[in-house]
């Protein structure tokens, strides 16, 4: 997916098409809550900041990114776990 993002950005840039990837990580959504409290706590401990990403912050980031006309071909890891 990362390679596709970078390749598409390079190929489509001449048409003024921007392509970026946002890696959201684990969020405590309705679907995420199904993994169980023990696993959620384990994921939280894996984060450098020892807290889970906030869905509202993620949404705000994506909206802000969509307004940046000069950013393309980038991968944004919205997760403080080291990958």
Protein backbone atom coordinates (compact mmCIF):
# COMPACT_ATOMS: atom_id res chain seq x y z
CA UNK A 1 0.00 0.00 0.00
CA UNK A 2 2.87 2.37 0.79
CA UNK A 3 4.53 1.58 -2.55
CA UNK A 4 1.25 2.09 -4.37
CA UNK A 5 0.77 5.45 -2.64
CA UNK A 6 4.21 6.68 -3.67
CA UNK A 7 3.94 5.34 -7.22
CA UNK A 8 0.46 6.81 -7.73
CA UNK A 9 1.61 10.17 -6.38
CA UNK A 10 4.52 10.21 -8.81
CA UNK A 11 2.41 9.17 -11.80
CA UNK A 12 -0.62 11.35 -11.07
CA UNK A 13 1.16 14.47 -9.91
CA UNK A 14 1.31 15.84 -13.46
CA UNK A 15 -2.50 15.85 -13.41
CA UNK A 16 -2.50 17.74 -10.10
CA UNK A 17 -3.73 14.66 -8.24
CA UNK A 18 -2.36 14.26 -4.72
CA UNK A 19 -2.00 10.82 -3.18
CA UNK A 20 -1.12 10.27 0.48
CA UNK A 21 -1.61 7.41 2.94
CA UNK A 22 -2.76 7.75 6.52
CA UNK A 23 -2.08 4.73 8.72
CA UNK A 24 -4.67 5.16 11.45
CA UNK A 25 -3.47 2.46 13.84
CA UNK A 26 -5.81 1.01 16.44
CA UNK A 27 -8.70 3.20 17.54
CA UNK A 28 -11.25 2.41 20.18
CA UNK A 29 -14.26 2.41 17.90
CA UNK A 30 -17.26 0.09 17.94
CA UNK A 31 -15.27 -2.46 15.96
CA UNK A 32 -12.13 -1.93 18.06
CA UNK A 33 -13.99 -2.48 21.30
CA UNK A 34 -14.65 -6.08 20.25
CA UNK A 35 -11.02 -7.13 20.87
CA UNK A 36 -11.46 -7.17 24.64
CA UNK A 37 -10.21 -5.02 27.48
CA UNK A 38 -7.01 -7.00 28.02
CA UNK A 39 -5.87 -6.58 24.40
CA UNK A 40 -6.86 -2.90 24.36
CA UNK A 41 -4.71 -2.36 27.48
CA UNK A 42 -1.82 -4.21 25.80
CA UNK A 43 -2.09 -2.00 22.73
CA UNK A 44 -2.19 1.12 24.92
CA UNK A 45 1.02 0.03 26.68
CA UNK A 46 2.76 -0.43 23.28
CA UNK A 47 2.29 3.27 22.49
CA UNK A 48 5.18 5.62 23.24
CA UNK A 49 2.66 8.06 24.71
CA UNK A 50 0.80 5.25 26.53
CA UNK A 51 -2.56 6.38 25.20
CA UNK A 52 -4.70 5.37 22.25
CA UNK A 53 -5.11 7.66 19.25
CA UNK A 54 -8.16 9.91 19.28
CA UNK A 55 -10.62 9.48 16.40
CA UNK A 56 -11.47 13.19 16.41
CA UNK A 57 -7.78 14.11 16.09
CA UNK A 58 -7.45 11.63 13.22
CA UNK A 59 -10.44 13.14 11.42
CA UNK A 60 -9.06 16.65 11.91
CA UNK A 61 -5.68 15.56 10.57
CA UNK A 62 -7.22 14.06 7.42
CA UNK A 63 -9.26 17.22 6.81
CA UNK A 64 -6.14 19.38 7.29
CA UNK A 65 -4.11 17.12 4.99
CA UNK A 66 -6.75 17.41 2.28
CA UNK A 67 -6.24 21.19 2.26
CA UNK A 68 -2.46 21.01 1.71
CA UNK A 69 -1.96 21.52 -2.01
CA UNK A 70 1.77 20.78 -2.00
CA UNK A 71 1.81 17.48 -0.07
CA UNK A 72 1.76 14.24 -2.03
CA UNK A 73 3.42 10.83 -1.89
CA UNK A 74 3.65 10.86 1.90
CA UNK A 75 2.79 8.24 4.48
CA UNK A 76 1.50 9.46 7.84
CA UNK A 77 1.56 7.02 10.74
CA UNK A 78 -1.15 8.20 13.13
CA UNK A 79 -0.07 5.82 15.87
CA UNK A 80 2.66 6.25 18.49
CA UNK A 81 3.66 2.59 18.37
CA UNK A 82 7.07 2.12 16.80
CA UNK A 83 6.73 0.03 13.65
